[in-house]
Amino acid sequence: MVRTRIRLALAGGLAALAAACGDSTAPTSHGQLELSATDAPTVHHHQYPDRSWGVQCTEPVTAQLRADAGHSITWLGASFSWYDAATDRLLLTRTVGADSLAYYWGSSTLAAGQSQDLLWDFWNTEPFKIRMDFQYRETGTQALQTATVNFTCAPPGKRMEGAYALSTINGVRVPAYGVNWDTLTFFPNLTYTTSGSLGDLGSHYGGTTGPDPYDVISESELSMPILIFGEGTGESWTRSGTTLTYVQRDCCGRPSKTWRFDLVGSNPQLPPPPVLVPSATSVTFTAQSGGPLPDVQTVQITASTASGGQQIPNLSWTATSACNNGVGCMNDWMVVSLNAAQTPATLQLKVYSTALPAGTYKATVFVTTNAAQNAPLPIAVTLTLTP
């Protein structure tokens, strides 16, 4: 069985997508030649050298000879006819000679009980129908016979247009997971751009589809490269109303993050921002002035949904401190450190020095994230130095 591809093109008006096809048979005196085509051709958008857009329809055709043993047919040629999809007006006819057709099928003959396959590519810029007529002669006869197959290329669904803003990642409202914002903008020429910002410093990123993306970006089908973080191709896009959902998977195919984008201006119903949950809201140290340092104390930091239910991992956060009595706590008597910059994590509080006069020193550590509704979260720290 041979699978070959031939490319035939017709210049014209609007983008097209394969919608239907038919099967046709042509009898022989000893059996039957069957030609069949799929009812679900593969479709890709295509850009012409003049930058105009069209649609490429790929149609597989199978020929099978059902006849008595020892019989065969010989291919003599074929003709391909384009018709206007709306009016059935003939637009163009092209022919293929016997030698070329034999090359495309992989053989000049087809024996009883065997089959051959072709993969025909057609593209155009307006809706069209294709009629494929294959001429052949049965062994031992001189009669010219024809087998025909038809299919239609119709316009694609309405194109995606407009701007979609990132709303949630794994159900957490943006900003979350280090992403401050992101927007996908779709244009009528079947391209799109992305731009956004991530990280504490708000580093910006962005990109656009190339000049020839071959991607379907329409209301009925959404397939495009995902440019956020450069995470490969986005084959897990779904669309529901004014919402786009992209499932980002890890190396083993498991869902890693689910990105939700909503049409700008659609006022989506979103979950409330999460909350930061500390294991303690205050920490107290006691030591002798000029004496040994007290033990390090820790506060566990987690994040959960606003209802206090599901924990939220990997929520980015930072910690800063401020002193209440004019003494520089970070440099003179306290050190704040983290074992991780994402939840769940441990905030470590350590007294750096006791070389201060006896007395009480107070400070506040602020756990900060731009994704939680109770941030910055204050944690009170007290150092009591005895004489």
Protein backbone atom coordinates (compact mmCIF):
# COMPACT_ATOMS: atom_id res chain seq x y z
CA MET A 1 0.00 0.00 0.00
CA VAL A 2 1.48 3.30 -1.08
CA ARG A 3 0.65 6.69 0.41
CA THR A 4 1.65 9.65 -1.74
CA ARG A 5 0.94 13.35 -1.53
CA ILE A 6 0.13 15.67 -4.44
CA ARG A 7 -0.38 19.42 -4.09
CA LEU A 8 -2.89 21.22 -6.31
CA ALA A 9 -3.79 24.88 -5.80
CA LEU A 10 -6.33 27.39 -7.09
CA ALA A 11 -6.03 31.11 -6.36
CA GLY A 12 -9.21 32.77 -5.17
CA GLY A 13 -11.11 34.61 -2.47
CA LEU A 14 -11.91 33.30 1.08
CA ALA A 15 -10.44 30.70 3.48
CA ALA A 16 -11.86 27.20 3.15
CA LEU A 17 -12.18 24.12 5.23
CA ALA A 18 -13.01 20.58 4.13
CA ALA A 19 -16.56 19.74 5.11
CA ALA A 20 -17.86 16.80 3.13
CA CYS A 21 -16.95 14.21 0.58
CA GLY A 22 -18.46 11.29 -1.24
CA ASP A 23 -17.71 7.79 -2.38
CA SER A 24 -18.16 6.64 -5.93
CA THR A 25 -17.80 3.30 -7.66
CA ALA A 26 -17.33 2.35 -11.29
CA PRO A 27 -18.23 -1.19 -12.35
CA THR A 28 -16.03 -3.38 -14.51
CA SER A 29 -17.10 -6.40 -16.45
CA HIS A 30 -15.47 -8.73 -13.94
CA GLY A 31 -15.77 -6.79 -10.67
CA GLN A 32 -15.86 -3.37 -9.17
CA LEU A 33 -13.37 -0.54 -8.63
CA GLU A 34 -14.15 1.35 -5.43
CA LEU A 35 -12.89 4.87 -4.70
CA SER A 36 -13.46 6.24 -1.23
CA ALA A 37 -12.61 9.52 0.51
CA THR A 38 -12.84 10.54 4.13
CA ASP A 39 -15.62 12.73 5.50
CA ALA A 40 -13.13 14.46 7.87
CA PRO A 41 -10.25 15.89 5.82
CA THR A 42 -7.31 17.47 7.62
CA VAL A 43 -7.38 21.25 7.50
CA HIS A 44 -4.58 23.81 7.89
CA HIS A 45 -4.49 27.53 7.31
CA HIS A 46 -2.00 28.63 4.70
CA GLN A 47 -0.41 31.96 3.86
CA TYR A 48 0.37 32.81 0.26
CA PRO A 49 3.51 34.72 -0.82
CA ASP A 50 1.44 37.91 -1.07
CA ARG A 51 0.59 37.46 2.66
CA SER A 52 -3.07 36.64 1.94
CA TRP A 53 -4.61 33.73 3.85
CA GLY A 54 -6.25 30.57 2.58
CA VAL A 55 -7.09 27.08 3.78
CA GLN A 56 -5.37 23.86 2.81
CA CYS A 57 -7.64 20.80 2.69
CA THR A 58 -6.03 17.37 2.76
CA GLU A 59 -8.17 14.57 1.35
CA PRO A 60 -7.08 10.90 1.44
CA VAL A 61 -8.38 8.69 -1.38
CA THR A 62 -8.33 4.90 -1.43
CA ALA A 63 -8.76 2.72 -4.53
CA GLN A 64 -9.67 -0.95 -4.14
CA LEU A 65 -10.40 -3.48 -6.87
CA ARG A 66 -12.95 -6.14 -6.05
CA ALA A 67 -12.72 -8.62 -8.93
CA ASP A 68 -11.95 -12.22 -9.85
CA ALA A 69 -8.40 -13.40 -9.24
CA GLY A 70 -6.04 -12.56 -12.08
CA HIS A 71 -7.87 -9.41 -13.11
CA SER A 72 -6.41 -5.91 -12.82
CA ILE A 73 -6.83 -2.37 -14.08
CA THR A 74 -4.39 0.10 -15.63
CA TRP A 75 -4.50 3.78 -14.71
CA LEU A 76 -4.81 6.06 -17.76
CA GLY A 77 -5.00 9.53 -16.15
CA ALA A 78 -7.17 11.79 -14.06
CA SER A 79 -8.81 15.20 -14.11
CA PHE A 80 -9.52 17.54 -11.20
CA SER A 81 -12.26 20.15 -11.39
CA TRP A 82 -12.86 23.10 -9.04
CA TYR A 83 -16.43 24.44 -8.71
CA ASP A 84 -17.76 27.45 -6.86
CA ALA A 85 -19.29 26.04 -3.65
CA ALA A 86 -22.26 28.41 -3.79
CA THR A 87 -23.16 28.37 -7.51
CA ASP A 88 -21.54 25.12 -8.79
CA ARG A 89 -19.91 27.23 -11.51
CA LEU A 90 -16.81 25.53 -12.97
CA LEU A 91 -13.70 27.46 -11.97
CA LEU A 92 -10.80 25.35 -13.23
CA THR A 93 -9.91 21.91 -14.52
CA ARG A 94 -6.50 20.28 -14.38
CA THR A 95 -5.40 16.95 -15.80
CA VAL A 96 -2.86 14.37 -14.68
CA GLY A 97 -1.29 12.03 -17.25
CA ALA A 98 -0.93 8.26 -16.95
CA ASP A 99 2.74 8.38 -15.95
CA SER A 100 2.14 10.99 -13.24
CA LEU A 101 -0.91 9.17 -11.92
CA ALA A 102 1.06 5.92 -11.75
CA TYR A 103 3.72 7.76 -9.73
CA TYR A 104 1.15 9.15 -7.32
CA TRP A 105 -0.57 5.78 -6.79
CA GLY A 106 2.78 4.02 -6.60
CA SER A 107 1.97 1.76 -9.52
CA SER A 108 0.44 1.94 -13.00
CA THR A 109 -1.83 -1.02 -12.26
CA LEU A 110 -4.10 -2.25 -9.48
CA ALA A 111 -4.65 -5.99 -9.08
CA ALA A 112 -7.77 -7.70 -7.78
CA GLY A 113 -7.93 -7.78 -3.99
CA GLN A 114 -5.37 -4.98 -3.61
CA SER A 115 -5.75 -1.34 -2.62
CA GLN A 116 -3.80 1.89 -3.13
CA ASP A 117 -3.82 5.16 -1.20
CA LEU A 118 -3.28 8.79 -2.13
CA LEU A 119 -3.21 11.89 0.05
CA TRP A 120 -4.35 14.85 -2.07
CA ASP A 121 -3.79 18.44 -0.92
CA PHE A 122 -5.98 21.25 -2.26
CA TRP A 123 -5.99 24.89 -1.19
CA ASN A 124 -7.89 27.95 -2.14
CA THR A 125 -8.99 31.30 -0.78
CA GLU A 126 -12.73 30.82 -1.30
CA PRO A 127 -15.24 28.00 -0.73
CA PHE A 128 -15.03 25.36 -3.45
CA LYS A 129 -15.97 21.84 -4.45
CA ILE A 130 -13.60 19.30 -5.97
CA ARG A 131 -14.48 16.56 -8.43
CA MET A 132 -11.78 13.95 -9.05
CA ASP A 133 -12.26 11.72 -12.12
CA PHE A 134 -9.88 8.77 -12.47
CA GLN A 135 -9.69 7.06 -15.89
CA TYR A 136 -8.68 3.42 -16.16
CA ARG A 137 -8.94 0.35 -18.41
CA GLU A 138 -9.58 -3.19 -17.28
CA THR A 139 -7.11 -5.85 -18.41
CA GLY A 140 -8.27 -7.52 -21.62
CA THR A 141 -10.64 -4.70 -22.66
CA GLN A 142 -10.28 -1.45 -24.60
CA ALA A 143 -13.17 0.37 -22.94
CA LEU A 144 -12.23 3.57 -21.09
CA GLN A 145 -13.91 3.75 -17.69
CA THR A 146 -14.08 6.50 -15.08
CA ALA A 147 -14.39 6.43 -11.29
CA THR A 148 -15.32 9.66 -9.52
CA VAL A 149 -15.05 11.04 -5.99
CA ASN A 150 -16.26 14.44 -4.75
CA PHE A 151 -15.76 16.56 -1.64
CA THR A 152 -16.46 20.13 -0.58
CA CYS A 153 -14.23 22.74 1.07
CA ALA A 154 -16.32 25.27 3.00
CA PRO A 155 -15.30 28.36 5.03
CA PRO A 156 -14.00 27.80 8.56
CA GLY A 157 -15.85 28.85 11.66
CA LYS A 158 -15.87 32.48 12.70
CA ARG A 159 -12.34 33.65 13.42
CA MET A 160 -11.18 34.35 16.93
CA GLU A 161 -10.87 38.08 17.53
CA GLY A 162 -10.38 40.26 20.57
CA ALA A 163 -8.26 40.33 23.72
CA TYR A 164 -8.38 37.67 26.42
CA ALA A 165 -6.86 38.38 29.84
CA LEU A 166 -5.44 35.70 32.13
CA SER A 167 -7.86 35.24 35.05
CA THR A 168 -6.71 32.24 37.07
CA ILE A 169 -3.98 29.60 37.22
CA ASN A 170 -5.07 26.35 38.88
CA GLY A 171 -8.13 28.22 40.08
CA VAL A 172 -6.09 30.95 41.82
CA ARG A 173 -6.79 34.48 40.75
CA VAL A 174 -3.99 36.32 39.01
CA PRO A 175 -1.55 37.52 40.14
CA ALA A 176 -0.47 34.07 41.21
CA TYR A 177 2.36 31.61 40.62
CA GLY A 178 4.66 34.47 39.76
CA VAL A 179 2.50 35.68 36.86
CA ASN A 180 1.33 39.24 37.36
CA TRP A 181 -0.73 39.49 34.16
CA ASP A 182 -1.01 38.07 30.66
CA THR A 183 -3.11 38.93 27.62
CA LEU A 184 -3.75 37.04 24.37
CA THR A 185 -4.88 39.21 21.47
CA PHE A 186 -6.38 37.58 18.35
CA PHE A 187 -6.38 39.33 14.97
CA PRO A 188 -8.50 38.79 11.82
CA ASN A 189 -5.52 37.46 9.85
CA LEU A 190 -5.48 34.30 12.00
CA THR A 191 -2.51 35.41 14.09
CA TYR A 192 -2.24 36.32 17.75
CA THR A 193 0.15 37.93 20.20
CA THR A 194 0.82 37.39 23.88
CA SER A 195 2.28 39.76 26.43
CA GLY A 196 2.64 39.59 30.18
CA SER A 197 4.68 40.14 33.29
CA LEU A 198 6.03 37.72 35.86
CA GLY A 199 8.21 37.63 38.96
CA ASP A 200 8.66 40.06 41.81
CA LEU A 201 10.51 42.49 39.56
CA GLY A 202 7.72 42.44 36.98
CA SER A 203 9.90 41.28 34.10
CA HIS A 204 7.93 41.53 30.87
CA TYR A 205 7.62 38.89 28.17
CA GLY A 206 5.75 38.62 24.91
CA GLY A 207 5.72 37.16 21.43
CA THR A 208 3.67 36.66 18.31
CA THR A 209 2.90 33.91 15.83
CA GLY A 210 5.27 33.67 12.91
CA PRO A 211 4.45 34.70 9.36
CA ASP A 212 3.26 31.20 8.49
CA PRO A 213 1.84 29.54 11.64
CA TYR A 214 -0.44 26.94 9.96
CA ASP A 215 -2.68 27.11 13.02
CA VAL A 216 -6.46 27.04 13.21
CA ILE A 217 -7.60 29.97 15.34
CA SER A 218 -11.37 30.12 15.02
CA GLU A 219 -14.41 29.90 17.24
CA SER A 220 -14.92 26.26 16.36
CA GLU A 221 -11.33 25.12 16.82
CA LEU A 222 -8.36 26.57 18.69
CA SER A 223 -4.87 25.21 18.08
CA MET A 224 -1.85 27.44 18.53
CA PRO A 225 1.63 27.57 20.08
CA ILE A 226 1.62 28.64 23.70
CA LEU A 227 4.16 31.40 24.16
CA ILE A 228 3.83 31.88 27.91
CA PHE A 229 7.12 30.78 29.51
CA GLY A 230 7.97 29.13 26.16
CA GLU A 231 6.13 26.00 27.26
CA GLY A 232 5.98 24.19 23.91
CA THR A 233 2.77 23.86 21.89
CA GLY A 234 -0.73 24.34 23.20
CA GLU A 235 -2.69 21.35 22.04
CA SER A 236 -4.94 21.34 25.11
CA TRP A 237 -6.95 24.48 24.45
CA THR A 238 -10.70 24.51 24.99
CA ARG A 239 -13.20 27.32 24.52
CA SER A 240 -16.45 27.82 26.39
CA GLY A 241 -18.33 31.02 25.69
CA THR A 242 -15.98 33.89 26.48
CA THR A 243 -13.49 31.68 28.36
CA LEU A 244 -10.35 30.00 27.01
CA THR A 245 -8.73 27.22 29.03
CA TYR A 246 -5.22 25.92 28.45
CA VAL A 247 -3.97 22.80 30.25
CA GLN A 248 -0.19 22.83 30.60
CA ARG A 249 1.26 19.35 31.09
CA ASP A 250 4.54 18.10 32.47
CA CYS A 251 6.99 15.72 30.82
CA CYS A 252 4.79 12.68 31.52
CA GLY A 253 1.58 14.18 30.19
CA ARG A 254 0.07 14.92 33.59
CA PRO A 255 -1.74 18.25 34.02
CA SER A 256 0.66 20.75 35.58
CA LYS A 257 -1.14 24.09 35.41
CA THR A 258 -4.53 25.13 34.08
CA TRP A 259 -4.58 28.66 32.63
CA ARG A 260 -7.92 30.44 32.30
CA PHE A 261 -8.32 33.45 30.01
CA ASP A 262 -11.51 35.53 29.82
CA LEU A 263 -12.59 37.93 27.11
CA VAL A 264 -11.78 41.47 28.19
CA GLY A 265 -14.99 43.19 29.25
CA SER A 266 -16.93 39.95 29.85
CA ASN A 267 -16.94 40.42 33.68
CA PRO A 268 -16.31 36.76 34.56
CA GLN A 269 -17.28 35.28 37.91
CA LEU A 270 -13.96 34.43 39.55
CA PRO A 271 -13.09 32.83 42.89
CA PRO A 272 -11.92 35.22 45.62
CA PRO A 273 -8.16 35.57 46.10
CA PRO A 274 -6.52 33.02 48.43
CA VAL A 275 -5.34 33.75 51.96
CA LEU A 276 -1.95 33.30 53.59
CA VAL A 277 -2.04 31.06 56.66
CA PRO A 278 0.84 31.33 59.21
CA SER A 279 1.39 28.76 61.96
CA ALA A 280 1.87 31.71 64.36
CA THR A 281 1.21 35.45 64.20
CA SER A 282 3.74 36.40 66.88
CA VAL A 283 7.17 35.23 68.01
CA THR A 284 8.98 36.07 71.28
CA PHE A 285 12.71 35.79 72.04
CA THR A 286 14.27 36.12 75.49
CA ALA A 287 18.00 36.40 76.12
CA GLN A 288 20.55 38.10 78.36
CA SER A 289 22.07 41.34 77.14
CA GLY A 290 25.47 40.44 75.69
CA GLY A 291 24.78 36.76 76.31
CA PRO A 292 24.30 33.70 74.08
CA LEU A 293 21.91 33.90 71.15
CA PRO A 294 18.47 32.36 71.66
CA ASP A 295 17.34 29.45 69.51
CA VAL A 296 16.05 30.05 65.99
CA GLN A 297 12.26 30.09 65.72
CA THR A 298 10.19 29.22 62.66
CA VAL A 299 6.77 30.04 61.27
CA GLN A 300 5.17 27.79 58.67
CA ILE A 301 3.56 29.68 55.80
CA THR A 302 0.86 28.06 53.67
CA ALA A 303 -1.84 29.38 51.36
CA SER A 304 -5.39 28.16 50.97
CA THR A 305 -8.63 29.07 49.27
CA ALA A 306 -10.56 31.94 50.81
CA SER A 307 -12.98 29.47 52.41
CA GLY A 308 -10.06 27.89 54.25
CA GLY A 309 -10.34 24.63 52.37
CA GLN A 310 -7.98 23.49 49.61
CA GLN A 311 -4.32 24.34 50.07
CA ILE A 312 -2.63 26.19 47.23
CA PRO A 313 0.96 25.20 46.46
CA ASN A 314 3.61 27.25 44.69
CA LEU A 315 2.17 30.66 45.56
CA SER A 316 5.07 33.11 45.32
CA TRP A 317 5.81 35.24 48.40
CA THR A 318 8.52 37.27 50.11
CA ALA A 319 9.22 38.51 53.65
CA THR A 320 10.45 41.90 54.87
CA SER A 321 10.76 43.41 58.34
CA ALA A 322 10.35 46.78 60.03
CA CYS A 323 11.35 47.80 63.56
CA ASN A 324 9.14 49.74 65.90
CA ASN A 325 11.76 51.42 68.07
CA GLY A 326 14.21 52.96 65.63
CA VAL A 327 16.81 50.21 65.96
CA GLY A 328 17.69 48.49 62.67
CA CYS A 329 16.42 45.01 63.42
CA MET A 330 17.54 43.35 60.21
CA ASN A 331 21.14 44.45 60.61
CA ASP A 332 21.50 44.82 64.38
CA TRP A 333 19.58 42.06 66.06
CA MET A 334 17.36 39.91 63.76
CA VAL A 335 17.75 37.96 60.54
CA VAL A 336 14.79 36.81 58.45
CA SER A 337 15.32 33.96 55.99
CA LEU A 338 13.16 31.64 53.86
CA ASN A 339 13.67 28.02 52.90
CA ALA A 340 11.57 28.55 49.77
CA ALA A 341 10.00 31.41 47.86
CA GLN A 342 6.76 29.53 47.24
CA THR A 343 4.16 28.00 49.55
CA PRO A 344 4.32 25.83 51.56
CA ALA A 345 7.50 27.25 53.11
CA THR A 346 9.20 28.00 56.38
CA LEU A 347 9.99 31.49 57.64
CA GLN A 348 13.08 31.39 59.87
CA LEU A 349 13.60 34.07 62.51
CA LYS A 350 16.98 34.35 64.15
CA VAL A 351 18.38 36.80 66.68
CA TYR A 352 21.59 38.06 65.15
CA SER A 353 23.08 39.82 68.15
CA THR A 354 22.43 40.40 71.86
CA ALA A 355 24.95 43.25 72.05
CA LEU A 356 22.25 45.76 72.90
CA PRO A 357 21.21 47.40 76.18
CA ALA A 358 18.73 45.49 78.29
CA GLY A 359 15.17 46.18 77.28
CA THR A 360 12.40 45.16 74.93
CA TYR A 361 12.77 45.42 71.17
CA LYS A 362 9.87 44.98 68.78
CA ALA A 363 9.67 44.36 65.06
CA THR A 364 7.14 43.26 62.50
CA VAL A 365 7.84 40.79 59.73
CA PHE A 366 5.60 41.22 56.68
CA VAL A 367 4.83 38.21 54.52
CA THR A 368 4.02 39.71 51.14
CA THR A 369 2.44 38.37 47.95
CA ASN A 370 0.37 40.15 45.34
CA ALA A 371 -1.91 37.12 45.02
CA ALA A 372 -3.46 36.85 48.54
CA GLN A 373 -6.22 39.02 49.94
CA ASN A 374 -4.69 39.22 53.47
CA ALA A 375 -1.22 40.29 52.30
CA PRO A 376 0.94 41.79 53.56
CA LEU A 377 0.52 39.45 56.54
CA PRO A 378 2.12 40.86 59.74
CA ILE A 379 3.97 38.66 62.21
CA ALA A 380 4.96 40.42 65.44
CA VAL A 381 8.46 39.72 66.79
CA THR A 382 9.56 40.67 70.33
CA LEU A 383 13.09 40.44 71.73
CA THR A 384 13.47 40.86 75.50
CA LEU A 385 17.02 41.33 76.76
CA THR A 386 17.54 40.98 80.48
CA PRO A 387 20.41 42.63 82.42
